[in-house]
Amino acid sequence: MATVKAVMGNLTVSDRQVLTAVNSGASSLSFVGSGFIVLCYLLFKDLRKFSFKLVFYLALSDMCCSFFSIIGDPSKGFFCYAQGYTTHFFCLASFLWTTTIAFTLHRTVVRHKTDVEDLEPMFHLYVWGTSGAMTVIRSIANNHEHLSRLGTWCWAQTGHTGKVVHFITFYAPLWGAILFNGVTYFQVIRMLNNATRMAVGMSERYQPDPRSDMKALNRWGYYPLILIGSWFFGTINRIHDVIEPGHKIFWLSVLDVGTAQLMGLFNSIAYGLNSSVRRAIYERLDLLPEWSQRWLQKSSRSRGQQQDSELVSLKIQDQQ
């Protein structure tokens, strides 16, 4: 991933070994989490709706990014380039897919449009095209070389030009996505809050479940926080590297690598493990003990009042 290419600096061998372990462990968790969502989409036909298809593309990007982060330092030139650019490409694609999810939800809930499925080709062009363009721009400005003494990653040049290009091709799109998602989900949550209050005023029979509604709204509010939490320390580390080049802070580097590599796991939990996935899994767990089936059924019912997925509005909209 883009983070680990610029955190080694003047760290000791033991520090680098710790960073290697953190990278491998966190990437493995993200690979398993995102791989689980990909597997669910491929196995369960009832999940193959447009809303979950976007989550599938997000999980696929996370899985590829985690995989190329896990494989470590390739031995020679071409594979070194391949590893560095693939992690950059798929990591960019990951948070760009989150913006398509936010856009689709906003277009459906706030603007009341039903043409979101027709926009899928544009989404692919936007995500893969932007990721590819940013990766190519970075490849032109960066001079990659393999540092065997690190024994972990392919290293990107960290001269002044390389650092500027890194910010332009990675952190600028990242924080642009964070800002877009934050504004979008704020508008969606405000819209649904207003709709709830209007429905209560128009129908005395309607008795909303505040806890259920707030859980659904809060779930949307968590989505922008995933990117912020995953890349806050990485951004601080890059800024520190510009101010004091060559002087690395070990604990900041650990937080940088660890939180960034966990992004795939966070995404799989927040976006993927919704009630539709849990229900699909529950329906295929006939071999479990009876007490386990009862517990899963109770859990599924208790959460059934929440939003079925991140792209489906609350039930209140059907009563307007």
C-alpha atoms as a PDB file:
ATOM      1  CA  MET A   1       0.000   0.000   0.000  1.00  0.00           C
ATOM      2  CA  ALA A   2       1.094   3.565  -0.548  1.00  0.00           C
ATOM      3  CA  THR A   3       1.730   4.095   3.153  1.00  0.00           C
ATOM      4  CA  VAL A   4       4.433   1.511   3.697  1.00  0.00           C
ATOM      5  CA  LYS A   5       6.614   2.836   0.922  1.00  0.00           C
ATOM      6  CA  ALA A   6       7.627   5.917   2.869  1.00  0.00           C
ATOM      7  CA  VAL A   7       7.837   4.906   6.512  1.00  0.00           C
ATOM      8  CA  MET A   8      11.152   3.080   6.798  1.00  0.00           C
ATOM      9  CA  GLY A   9      13.635   5.965   6.702  1.00  0.00           C
ATOM     10  CA  ASN A  10      16.259   5.807   9.448  1.00  0.00           C
ATOM     11  CA  LEU A  11      14.497   3.167  11.541  1.00  0.00           C
ATOM     12  CA  THR A  12      16.506   0.331  13.069  1.00  0.00           C
ATOM     13  CA  VAL A  13      16.359  -3.256  11.852  1.00  0.00           C
ATOM     14  CA  SER A  14      14.153  -4.286  14.785  1.00  0.00           C
ATOM     15  CA  ASP A  15      11.815  -1.366  14.097  1.00  0.00           C
ATOM     16  CA  ARG A  16      11.526  -2.466  10.484  1.00  0.00           C
ATOM     17  CA  GLN A  17      10.762  -6.006  11.566  1.00  0.00           C
ATOM     18  CA  VAL A  18       7.949  -4.717  13.766  1.00  0.00           C
ATOM     19  CA  LEU A  19       6.550  -2.687  10.862  1.00  0.00           C
ATOM     20  CA  THR A  20       6.796  -5.749   8.648  1.00  0.00           C
ATOM     21  CA  ALA A  21       4.821  -7.803  11.179  1.00  0.00           C
ATOM     22  CA  VAL A  22       2.204  -5.061  11.588  1.00  0.00           C
ATOM     23  CA  ASN A  23       1.845  -4.752   7.831  1.00  0.00           C
ATOM     24  CA  SER A  24       1.476  -8.495   7.303  1.00  0.00           C
ATOM     25  CA  GLY A  25      -0.948  -8.967  10.187  1.00  0.00           C
ATOM     26  CA  ALA A  26      -3.208  -6.034   9.368  1.00  0.00           C
ATOM     27  CA  SER A  27      -3.172  -6.810   5.631  1.00  0.00           C
ATOM     28  CA  SER A  28      -4.086 -10.428   6.347  1.00  0.00           C
ATOM     29  CA  LEU A  29      -7.097  -9.367   8.419  1.00  0.00           C
ATOM     30  CA  SER A  30      -8.240  -7.042   5.650  1.00  0.00           C
ATOM     31  CA  PHE A  31      -7.716  -9.745   3.032  1.00  0.00           C
ATOM     32  CA  VAL A  32      -9.844 -12.206   5.001  1.00  0.00           C
ATOM     33  CA  GLY A  33     -12.574  -9.648   5.701  1.00  0.00           C
ATOM     34  CA  SER A  34     -12.850  -8.353   2.145  1.00  0.00           C
ATOM     35  CA  GLY A  35     -12.467 -11.868   0.743  1.00  0.00           C
ATOM     36  CA  PHE A  36     -15.432 -12.976   2.839  1.00  0.00           C
ATOM     37  CA  ILE A  37     -17.629 -10.273   1.288  1.00  0.00           C
ATOM     38  CA  VAL A  38     -16.460 -11.216  -2.213  1.00  0.00           C
ATOM     39  CA  LEU A  39     -17.210 -14.868  -1.494  1.00  0.00           C
ATOM     40  CA  CYS A  40     -20.695 -14.052  -0.197  1.00  0.00           C
ATOM     41  CA  TYR A  41     -21.477 -12.097  -3.345  1.00  0.00           C
ATOM     42  CA  LEU A  42     -20.330 -14.951  -5.588  1.00  0.00           C
ATOM     43  CA  LEU A  43     -22.103 -17.694  -3.624  1.00  0.00           C
ATOM     44  CA  PHE A  44     -25.427 -16.062  -2.752  1.00  0.00           C
ATOM     45  CA  LYS A  45     -27.460 -15.075  -5.805  1.00  0.00           C
ATOM     46  CA  ASP A  46     -29.961 -13.086  -3.740  1.00  0.00           C
ATOM     47  CA  LEU A  47     -27.166 -10.639  -2.856  1.00  0.00           C
ATOM     48  CA  ARG A  48     -26.455  -9.786  -6.477  1.00  0.00           C
ATOM     49  CA  LYS A  49     -28.381  -6.551  -6.459  1.00  0.00           C
ATOM     50  CA  PHE A  50     -26.955  -3.282  -7.660  1.00  0.00           C
ATOM     51  CA  SER A  51     -26.540  -1.909  -4.150  1.00  0.00           C
ATOM     52  CA  PHE A  52     -24.431  -4.848  -3.019  1.00  0.00           C
ATOM     53  CA  LYS A  53     -22.617  -5.002  -6.350  1.00  0.00           C
ATOM     54  CA  LEU A  54     -20.931  -1.719  -5.470  1.00  0.00           C
ATOM     55  CA  VAL A  55     -19.923  -3.191  -2.118  1.00  0.00           C
ATOM     56  CA  PHE A  56     -18.536  -6.182  -4.015  1.00  0.00           C
ATOM     57  CA  TYR A  57     -16.330  -3.920  -6.152  1.00  0.00           C
ATOM     58  CA  LEU A  58     -15.165  -2.129  -3.009  1.00  0.00           C
ATOM     59  CA  ALA A  59     -14.305  -5.424  -1.302  1.00  0.00           C
ATOM     60  CA  LEU A  60     -12.568  -6.703  -4.434  1.00  0.00           C
ATOM     61  CA  SER A  61     -10.356  -3.609  -4.527  1.00  0.00           C
ATOM     62  CA  ASP A  62      -9.562  -3.983  -0.827  1.00  0.00           C
ATOM     63  CA  MET A  63      -8.752  -7.665  -1.276  1.00  0.00           C
ATOM     64  CA  CYS A  64      -6.337  -6.993  -4.153  1.00  0.00           C
ATOM     65  CA  CYS A  65      -4.686  -4.147  -2.272  1.00  0.00           C
ATOM     66  CA  SER A  66      -4.235  -6.318   0.822  1.00  0.00           C
ATOM     67  CA  PHE A  67      -2.915  -9.230  -1.218  1.00  0.00           C
ATOM     68  CA  PHE A  68      -0.171  -7.205  -2.885  1.00  0.00           C
ATOM     69  CA  SER A  69       0.728  -5.704   0.483  1.00  0.00           C
ATOM     70  CA  ILE A  70       1.067  -9.170   2.034  1.00  0.00           C
ATOM     71  CA  ILE A  71       3.354 -10.679  -0.597  1.00  0.00           C
ATOM     72  CA  GLY A  72       6.286  -8.578   0.612  1.00  0.00           C
ATOM     73  CA  ASP A  73       9.263  -7.457  -1.406  1.00  0.00           C
ATOM     74  CA  PRO A  74       9.565  -8.976  -4.879  1.00  0.00           C
ATOM     75  CA  SER A  75      13.051  -9.981  -5.855  1.00  0.00           C
ATOM     76  CA  LYS A  76      13.734  -8.022  -9.026  1.00  0.00           C
ATOM     77  CA  GLY A  77      12.903  -4.991 -11.110  1.00  0.00           C
ATOM     78  CA  PHE A  78       9.662  -5.681 -12.967  1.00  0.00           C
ATOM     79  CA  PHE A  79       7.963  -7.375 -10.018  1.00  0.00           C
ATOM     80  CA  CYS A  80       9.054  -4.542  -7.772  1.00  0.00           C
ATOM     81  CA  TYR A  81       7.346  -2.042 -10.069  1.00  0.00           C
ATOM     82  CA  ALA A  82       4.303  -4.288 -10.298  1.00  0.00           C
ATOM     83  CA  GLN A  83       3.919  -4.525  -6.535  1.00  0.00           C
ATOM     84  CA  GLY A  84       4.348  -0.816  -5.926  1.00  0.00           C
ATOM     85  CA  TYR A  85       1.911   0.274  -8.597  1.00  0.00           C
ATOM     86  CA  THR A  86      -0.758  -2.373  -7.964  1.00  0.00           C
ATOM     87  CA  THR A  87      -1.046  -1.480  -4.286  1.00  0.00           C
ATOM     88  CA  HIS A  88      -1.286   2.207  -5.205  1.00  0.00           C
ATOM     89  CA  PHE A  89      -3.891   1.474  -7.884  1.00  0.00           C
ATOM     90  CA  PHE A  90      -6.199  -0.760  -5.826  1.00  0.00           C
ATOM     91  CA  CYS A  91      -5.975   1.379  -2.706  1.00  0.00           C
ATOM     92  CA  LEU A  92      -7.070   4.397  -4.736  1.00  0.00           C
ATOM     93  CA  ALA A  93      -9.867   2.336  -6.264  1.00  0.00           C
ATOM     94  CA  SER A  94     -11.032   1.315  -2.805  1.00  0.00           C
ATOM     95  CA  PHE A  95     -11.845   4.745  -1.482  1.00  0.00           C
ATOM     96  CA  LEU A  96     -13.136   5.872  -4.875  1.00  0.00           C
ATOM     97  CA  TRP A  97     -15.708   3.076  -4.738  1.00  0.00           C
ATOM     98  CA  THR A  98     -16.887   4.479  -1.399  1.00  0.00           C
ATOM     99  CA  THR A  99     -17.715   7.735  -3.187  1.00  0.00           C
ATOM    100  CA  THR A 100     -19.869   5.873  -5.727  1.00  0.00           C
ATOM    101  CA  ILE A 101     -21.774   4.261  -2.851  1.00  0.00           C
ATOM    102  CA  ALA A 102     -22.305   7.657  -1.228  1.00  0.00           C
ATOM    103  CA  PHE A 103     -23.337   9.183  -4.568  1.00  0.00           C
ATOM    104  CA  THR A 104     -25.822   6.374  -5.246  1.00  0.00           C
ATOM    105  CA  LEU A 105     -27.390   6.694  -1.813  1.00  0.00           C
ATOM    106  CA  HIS A 106     -27.678  10.467  -2.193  1.00  0.00           C
ATOM    107  CA  ARG A 107     -29.178  10.186  -5.668  1.00  0.00           C
ATOM    108  CA  THR A 108     -31.719   7.621  -4.449  1.00  0.00           C
ATOM    109  CA  VAL A 109     -32.735   9.140  -1.121  1.00  0.00           C
ATOM    110  CA  VAL A 110     -32.264  12.885  -1.547  1.00  0.00           C
ATOM    111  CA  ARG A 111     -32.885  13.374  -5.270  1.00  0.00           C
ATOM    112  CA  HIS A 112     -35.380  10.480  -5.593  1.00  0.00           C
ATOM    113  CA  LYS A 113     -33.797   9.194  -8.806  1.00  0.00           C
ATOM    114  CA  THR A 114     -34.183   5.582  -9.907  1.00  0.00           C
ATOM    115  CA  ASP A 115     -31.608   5.518 -12.689  1.00  0.00           C
ATOM    116  CA  VAL A 116     -28.583   4.598 -10.570  1.00  0.00           C
ATOM    117  CA  GLU A 117     -28.126   1.206 -12.214  1.00  0.00           C
ATOM    118  CA  ASP A 118     -27.693   2.927 -15.576  1.00  0.00           C
ATOM    119  CA  LEU A 119     -24.685   4.758 -14.136  1.00  0.00           C
ATOM    120  CA  GLU A 120     -22.630   1.616 -13.484  1.00  0.00           C
ATOM    121  CA  PRO A 121     -20.465   1.992 -16.634  1.00  0.00           C
ATOM    122  CA  MET A 122     -19.705   5.577 -15.609  1.00  0.00           C
ATOM    123  CA  PHE A 123     -18.753   4.382 -12.139  1.00  0.00           C
ATOM    124  CA  HIS A 124     -16.263   1.911 -13.607  1.00  0.00           C
ATOM    125  CA  LEU A 125     -14.796   4.557 -15.888  1.00  0.00           C
ATOM    126  CA  TYR A 126     -14.504   6.981 -12.980  1.00  0.00           C
ATOM    127  CA  VAL A 127     -12.948   4.536 -10.485  1.00  0.00           C
ATOM    128  CA  TRP A 128     -10.604   2.518 -12.683  1.00  0.00           C
ATOM    129  CA  GLY A 129      -9.809   5.470 -14.940  1.00  0.00           C
ATOM    130  CA  THR A 130      -8.917   7.809 -12.079  1.00  0.00           C
ATOM    131  CA  SER A 131      -6.908   5.107 -10.293  1.00  0.00           C
ATOM    132  CA  GLY A 132      -5.031   4.310 -13.484  1.00  0.00           C
ATOM    133  CA  ALA A 133      -4.338   7.960 -14.291  1.00  0.00           C
ATOM    134  CA  MET A 134      -3.024   8.709 -10.787  1.00  0.00           C
ATOM    135  CA  THR A 135      -0.819   5.609 -10.890  1.00  0.00           C
ATOM    136  CA  VAL A 136       0.628   6.561 -14.288  1.00  0.00           C
ATOM    137  CA  ILE A 137       1.337  10.111 -13.130  1.00  0.00           C
ATOM    138  CA  ARG A 138       3.121   8.783 -10.092  1.00  0.00           C
ATOM    139  CA  SER A 139       5.145   6.353 -12.201  1.00  0.00           C
ATOM    140  CA  ILE A 140       6.389   9.188 -14.394  1.00  0.00           C
ATOM    141  CA  ALA A 141       7.626  11.271 -11.467  1.00  0.00           C
ATOM    142  CA  ASN A 142       8.924   8.459  -9.233  1.00  0.00           C
ATOM    143  CA  ASN A 143      12.117   6.493  -9.665  1.00  0.00           C
ATOM    144  CA  HIS A 144      11.583   3.132  -7.959  1.00  0.00           C
ATOM    145  CA  GLU A 145      14.453   1.039  -6.744  1.00  0.00           C
ATOM    146  CA  HIS A 146      14.595  -2.203  -4.838  1.00  0.00           C
ATOM    147  CA  LEU A 147      16.163  -2.052  -1.395  1.00  0.00           C
ATOM    148  CA  SER A 148      16.998  -5.643  -0.441  1.00  0.00           C
ATOM    149  CA  ARG A 149      18.289  -4.620   2.971  1.00  0.00           C
ATOM    150  CA  LEU A 150      14.731  -3.773   3.981  1.00  0.00           C
ATOM    151  CA  GLY A 151      13.535  -7.151   2.814  1.00  0.00           C
ATOM    152  CA  THR A 152       9.900  -6.127   2.843  1.00  0.00           C
ATOM    153  CA  TRP A 153       8.682  -3.623   0.259  1.00  0.00           C
ATOM    154  CA  CYS A 154       9.629  -1.894  -2.937  1.00  0.00           C
ATOM    155  CA  TRP A 155      10.793   1.572  -2.101  1.00  0.00           C
ATOM    156  CA  ALA A 156       9.701   4.754  -3.839  1.00  0.00           C
ATOM    157  CA  GLN A 157      12.059   7.692  -4.155  1.00  0.00           C
ATOM    158  CA  THR A 158      11.309  10.260  -1.465  1.00  0.00           C
ATOM    159  CA  GLY A 159      12.878  13.358  -3.026  1.00  0.00           C
ATOM    160  CA  HIS A 160      10.982  16.621  -3.080  1.00  0.00           C
ATOM    161  CA  THR A 161       9.353  15.919  -6.444  1.00  0.00           C
ATOM    162  CA  GLY A 162       8.377  12.407  -5.401  1.00  0.00           C
ATOM    163  CA  LYS A 163       6.728  13.675  -2.216  1.00  0.00           C
ATOM    164  CA  VAL A 164       4.747  16.329  -4.073  1.00  0.00           C
ATOM    165  CA  VAL A 165       3.562  13.799  -6.642  1.00  0.00           C
ATOM    166  CA  HIS A 166       2.641  11.378  -3.840  1.00  0.00           C
ATOM    167  CA  PHE A 167       0.401  13.995  -2.240  1.00  0.00           C
ATOM    168  CA  ILE A 168      -1.189  14.910  -5.563  1.00  0.00           C
ATOM    169  CA  THR A 169      -1.821  11.352  -6.743  1.00  0.00           C
ATOM    170  CA  PHE A 170      -2.860   9.790  -3.449  1.00  0.00           C
ATOM    171  CA  TYR A 171      -3.661  12.088  -0.544  1.00  0.00           C
ATOM    172  CA  ALA A 172      -5.482  14.721  -2.600  1.00  0.00           C
ATOM    173  CA  PRO A 173      -7.984  12.164  -3.988  1.00  0.00           C
ATOM    174  CA  LEU A 174      -8.191  10.549  -0.535  1.00  0.00           C
ATOM    175  CA  TRP A 175      -9.202  13.691   1.346  1.00  0.00           C
ATOM    176  CA  GLY A 176     -11.391  14.744  -1.563  1.00  0.00           C
ATOM    177  CA  ALA A 177     -13.259  11.455  -1.145  1.00  0.00           C
ATOM    178  CA  ILE A 178     -13.497  11.981   2.618  1.00  0.00           C
ATOM    179  CA  LEU A 179     -14.946  15.457   2.139  1.00  0.00           C
ATOM    180  CA  PHE A 180     -17.407  14.274  -0.529  1.00  0.00           C
ATOM    181  CA  ASN A 181     -18.590  11.329   1.568  1.00  0.00           C
ATOM    182  CA  GLY A 182     -18.974  13.475   4.667  1.00  0.00           C
ATOM    183  CA  VAL A 183     -21.090  16.123   2.919  1.00  0.00           C
ATOM    184  CA  THR A 184     -23.147  13.491   1.093  1.00  0.00           C
ATOM    185  CA  TYR A 185     -23.999  11.417   4.152  1.00  0.00           C
ATOM    186  CA  PHE A 186     -24.779  14.574   6.128  1.00  0.00           C
ATOM    187  CA  GLN A 187     -27.365  15.520   3.509  1.00  0.00           C
ATOM    188  CA  VAL A 188     -28.822  12.012   3.448  1.00  0.00           C
ATOM    189  CA  ILE A 189     -29.133  11.836   7.231  1.00  0.00           C
ATOM    190  CA  ARG A 190     -30.702  15.299   7.378  1.00  0.00           C
ATOM    191  CA  MET A 191     -33.162  14.331   4.658  1.00  0.00           C
ATOM    192  CA  LEU A 192     -34.266  11.196   6.472  1.00  0.00           C
ATOM    193  CA  ASN A 193     -34.557  13.000   9.810  1.00  0.00           C
ATOM    194  CA  ASN A 194     -36.833  15.559   8.191  1.00  0.00           C
ATOM    195  CA  ALA A 195     -38.874  12.803   6.537  1.00  0.00           C
ATOM    196  CA  THR A 196     -39.299  11.055   9.876  1.00  0.00           C
ATOM    197  CA  ARG A 197     -40.543  14.206  11.580  1.00  0.00           C
ATOM    198  CA  MET A 198     -42.973  14.897   8.731  1.00  0.00           C
ATOM    199  CA  ALA A 199     -44.375  11.378   8.871  1.00  0.00           C
ATOM    200  CA  VAL A 200     -44.899  11.601  12.629  1.00  0.00           C
ATOM    201  CA  GLY A 201     -46.755  14.878  12.206  1.00  0.00           C
ATOM    202  CA  MET A 202     -48.980  13.550   9.399  1.00  0.00           C
ATOM    203  CA  SER A 203     -49.903  10.199  10.927  1.00  0.00           C
ATOM    204  CA  GLU A 204     -50.781   9.627  14.547  1.00  0.00           C
ATOM    205  CA  ARG A 205     -50.704   5.899  13.928  1.00  0.00           C
ATOM    206  CA  TYR A 206     -47.054   5.937  12.961  1.00  0.00           C
ATOM    207  CA  GLN A 207     -44.876   5.231  15.952  1.00  0.00           C
ATOM    208  CA  PRO A 208     -41.206   5.187  14.924  1.00  0.00           C
ATOM    209  CA  ASP A 209     -38.597   3.215  16.770  1.00  0.00           C
ATOM    210  CA  PRO A 210     -36.048   5.927  17.633  1.00  0.00           C
ATOM    211  CA  ARG A 211     -33.334   3.478  18.567  1.00  0.00           C
ATOM    212  CA  SER A 212     -33.679   1.499  15.329  1.00  0.00           C
ATOM    213  CA  ASP A 213     -33.759   4.636  13.172  1.00  0.00           C
ATOM    214  CA  MET A 214     -30.787   6.201  14.934  1.00  0.00           C
ATOM    215  CA  LYS A 215     -28.751   3.015  14.538  1.00  0.00           C
ATOM    216  CA  ALA A 216     -29.385   3.092  10.794  1.00  0.00           C
ATOM    217  CA  LEU A 217     -28.493   6.779  10.552  1.00  0.00           C
ATOM    218  CA  ASN A 218     -25.429   6.404  12.729  1.00  0.00           C
ATOM    219  CA  ARG A 219     -24.256   3.534  10.512  1.00  0.00           C
ATOM    220  CA  TRP A 220     -24.117   5.923   7.575  1.00  0.00           C
ATOM    221  CA  GLY A 221     -22.277   8.460   9.689  1.00  0.00           C
ATOM    222  CA  TYR A 222     -19.522   5.919  10.350  1.00  0.00           C
ATOM    223  CA  TYR A 223     -18.625   5.497   6.681  1.00  0.00           C
ATOM    224  CA  PRO A 224     -16.578   8.712   6.268  1.00  0.00           C
ATOM    225  CA  LEU A 225     -14.895   7.993   9.618  1.00  0.00           C
ATOM    226  CA  ILE A 226     -13.435   4.768   8.200  1.00  0.00           C
ATOM    227  CA  LEU A 227     -11.297   6.662   5.704  1.00  0.00           C
ATOM    228  CA  ILE A 228     -10.384   9.302   8.271  1.00  0.00           C
ATOM    229  CA  GLY A 229      -9.379   6.692  10.848  1.00  0.00           C
ATOM    230  CA  SER A 230      -7.471   4.644   8.293  1.00  0.00           C
ATOM    231  CA  TRP A 231      -5.446   7.500   6.836  1.00  0.00           C
ATOM    232  CA  PHE A 232      -5.197  10.165   9.549  1.00  0.00           C
ATOM    233  CA  PHE A 233      -1.888   8.878  10.890  1.00  0.00           C
ATOM    234  CA  GLY A 234      -0.592   8.288   7.368  1.00  0.00           C
ATOM    235  CA  THR A 235      -1.316  11.897   6.453  1.00  0.00           C
ATOM    236  CA  ILE A 236       0.371  13.175   9.602  1.00  0.00           C
ATOM    237  CA  ASN A 237       3.356  10.937   8.878  1.00  0.00           C
ATOM    238  CA  ARG A 238       3.683  12.305   5.331  1.00  0.00           C
ATOM    239  CA  ILE A 239       3.485  15.899   6.557  1.00  0.00           C
ATOM    240  CA  HIS A 240       6.132  15.165   9.203  1.00  0.00           C
ATOM    241  CA  ASP A 241       8.304  13.584   6.518  1.00  0.00           C
ATOM    242  CA  VAL A 242       8.139  16.790   4.470  1.00  0.00           C
ATOM    243  CA  ILE A 243       9.039  18.936   7.473  1.00  0.00           C
ATOM    244  CA  GLU A 244      11.774  16.631   8.781  1.00  0.00           C
ATOM    245  CA  PRO A 245      12.881  14.367   5.909  1.00  0.00           C
ATOM    246  CA  GLY A 246      14.754  11.244   6.896  1.00  0.00           C
ATOM    247  CA  HIS A 247      13.692  11.409  10.544  1.00  0.00           C
ATOM    248  CA  LYS A 248      11.023   8.798  11.231  1.00  0.00           C
ATOM    249  CA  ILE A 249       8.928   8.510  14.388  1.00  0.00           C
ATOM    250  CA  PHE A 250       8.531   4.828  15.117  1.00  0.00           C
ATOM    251  CA  TRP A 251       5.194   4.893  16.937  1.00  0.00           C
ATOM    252  CA  LEU A 252       3.691   7.136  14.259  1.00  0.00           C
ATOM    253  CA  SER A 253       4.949   4.766  11.561  1.00  0.00           C
ATOM    254  CA  VAL A 254       3.344   1.814  13.366  1.00  0.00           C
ATOM    255  CA  LEU A 255      -0.001   3.624  13.562  1.00  0.00           C
ATOM    256  CA  ASP A 256       0.407   4.732   9.944  1.00  0.00           C
ATOM    257  CA  VAL A 257       0.939   1.221   8.585  1.00  0.00           C
ATOM    258  CA  GLY A 258      -1.464  -0.537  10.959  1.00  0.00           C
ATOM    259  CA  THR A 259      -4.516   1.671  10.467  1.00  0.00           C
ATOM    260  CA  ALA A 260      -4.030   1.997   6.703  1.00  0.00           C
ATOM    261  CA  GLN A 261      -3.746  -1.742   6.189  1.00  0.00           C
ATOM    262  CA  LEU A 262      -6.891  -2.337   8.269  1.00  0.00           C
ATOM    263  CA  MET A 263      -9.026  -0.254   5.909  1.00  0.00           C
ATOM    264  CA  GLY A 264     -10.203  -3.359   4.049  1.00  0.00           C
ATOM    265  CA  LEU A 265     -11.362  -4.987   7.296  1.00  0.00           C
ATOM    266  CA  PHE A 266     -13.190  -1.827   8.390  1.00  0.00           C
ATOM    267  CA  ASN A 267     -14.904  -1.537   5.005  1.00  0.00           C
ATOM    268  CA  SER A 268     -15.983  -5.176   5.002  1.00  0.00           C
ATOM    269  CA  ILE A 269     -17.593  -4.793   8.426  1.00  0.00           C
ATOM    270  CA  ALA A 270     -19.287  -1.437   7.816  1.00  0.00           C
ATOM    271  CA  TYR A 271     -20.408  -1.890   4.212  1.00  0.00           C
ATOM    272  CA  GLY A 272     -20.621  -5.649   3.829  1.00  0.00           C
ATOM    273  CA  LEU A 273     -22.006  -7.160   7.019  1.00  0.00           C
ATOM    274  CA  ASN A 274     -25.526  -5.793   6.674  1.00  0.00           C
ATOM    275  CA  SER A 275     -28.781  -7.605   7.420  1.00  0.00           C
ATOM    276  CA  SER A 276     -29.029  -9.000   3.859  1.00  0.00           C
ATOM    277  CA  VAL A 277     -25.696 -10.793   4.223  1.00  0.00           C
ATOM    278  CA  ARG A 278     -26.535 -12.084   7.689  1.00  0.00           C
ATOM    279  CA  ARG A 279     -29.897 -13.363   6.462  1.00  0.00           C
ATOM    280  CA  ALA A 280     -28.333 -15.077   3.441  1.00  0.00           C
ATOM    281  CA  ILE A 281     -25.805 -16.788   5.682  1.00  0.00           C
ATOM    282  CA  TYR A 282     -28.442 -17.774   8.230  1.00  0.00           C
ATOM    283  CA  GLU A 283     -30.619 -19.435   5.589  1.00  0.00           C
ATOM    284  CA  ARG A 284     -27.716 -21.712   4.668  1.00  0.00           C
ATOM    285  CA  LEU A 285     -26.666 -22.758   8.162  1.00  0.00           C
ATOM    286  CA  ASP A 286     -29.007 -25.706   8.599  1.00  0.00           C
ATOM    287  CA  LEU A 287     -26.142 -27.871   9.805  1.00  0.00           C
ATOM    288  CA  LEU A 288     -25.543 -25.769  12.891  1.00  0.00           C
ATOM    289  CA  PRO A 289     -26.876 -26.871  16.298  1.00  0.00           C
ATOM    290  CA  GLU A 290     -30.439 -25.850  17.026  1.00  0.00           C
ATOM    291  CA  TRP A 291     -29.455 -23.368  19.752  1.00  0.00           C
ATOM    292  CA  SER A 292     -27.140 -21.617  17.303  1.00  0.00           C
ATOM    293  CA  GLN A 293     -29.908 -21.343  14.730  1.00  0.00           C
ATOM    294  CA  ARG A 294     -32.273 -19.862  17.342  1.00  0.00           C
ATOM    295  CA  TRP A 295     -29.653 -17.289  18.363  1.00  0.00           C
ATOM    296  CA  LEU A 296     -28.966 -16.292  14.755  1.00  0.00           C
ATOM    297  CA  GLN A 297     -32.676 -16.036  14.019  1.00  0.00           C
ATOM    298  CA  LYS A 298     -33.243 -13.818  17.046  1.00  0.00           C
ATOM    299  CA  SER A 299     -30.295 -11.615  16.082  1.00  0.00           C
ATOM    300  CA  SER A 300     -31.515 -11.339  12.509  1.00  0.00           C
ATOM    301  CA  ARG A 301     -35.010 -10.329  13.614  1.00  0.00           C
ATOM    302  CA  SER A 302     -33.743  -7.777  16.111  1.00  0.00           C
ATOM    303  CA  ARG A 303     -31.803  -6.041  13.366  1.00  0.00           C
ATOM    304  CA  GLY A 304     -34.425  -6.451  10.690  1.00  0.00           C
ATOM    305  CA  GLN A 305     -35.863  -3.020  11.433  1.00  0.00           C
ATOM    306  CA  GLN A 306     -32.562  -1.403  10.570  1.00  0.00           C
ATOM    307  CA  GLN A 307     -31.563  -0.446   7.077  1.00  0.00           C
ATOM    308  CA  ASP A 308     -31.188  -3.462   4.847  1.00  0.00           C
ATOM    309  CA  SER A 309     -28.146  -2.041   3.162  1.00  0.00           C
ATOM    310  CA  GLU A 310     -26.318   1.222   2.867  1.00  0.00           C
ATOM    311  CA  LEU A 311     -28.230   2.053  -0.320  1.00  0.00           C
ATOM    312  CA  VAL A 312     -31.781   1.460   0.960  1.00  0.00           C
ATOM    313  CA  SER A 313     -33.674   4.222   2.736  1.00  0.00           C
ATOM    314  CA  LEU A 314     -35.635   3.811   5.953  1.00  0.00           C
ATOM    315  CA  LYS A 315     -39.131   2.350   5.923  1.00  0.00           C
ATOM    316  CA  ILE A 316     -40.534   5.769   6.732  1.00  0.00           C
ATOM    317  CA  GLN A 317     -40.133   6.822   3.105  1.00  0.00           C
ATOM    318  CA  ASP A 318     -42.747   4.310   1.989  1.00  0.00           C
ATOM    319  CA  GLN A 319     -45.304   6.027   4.220  1.00  0.00           C
ATOM    320  CA  GLN A 320     -44.858   9.544   2.887  1.00  0.00           C
END
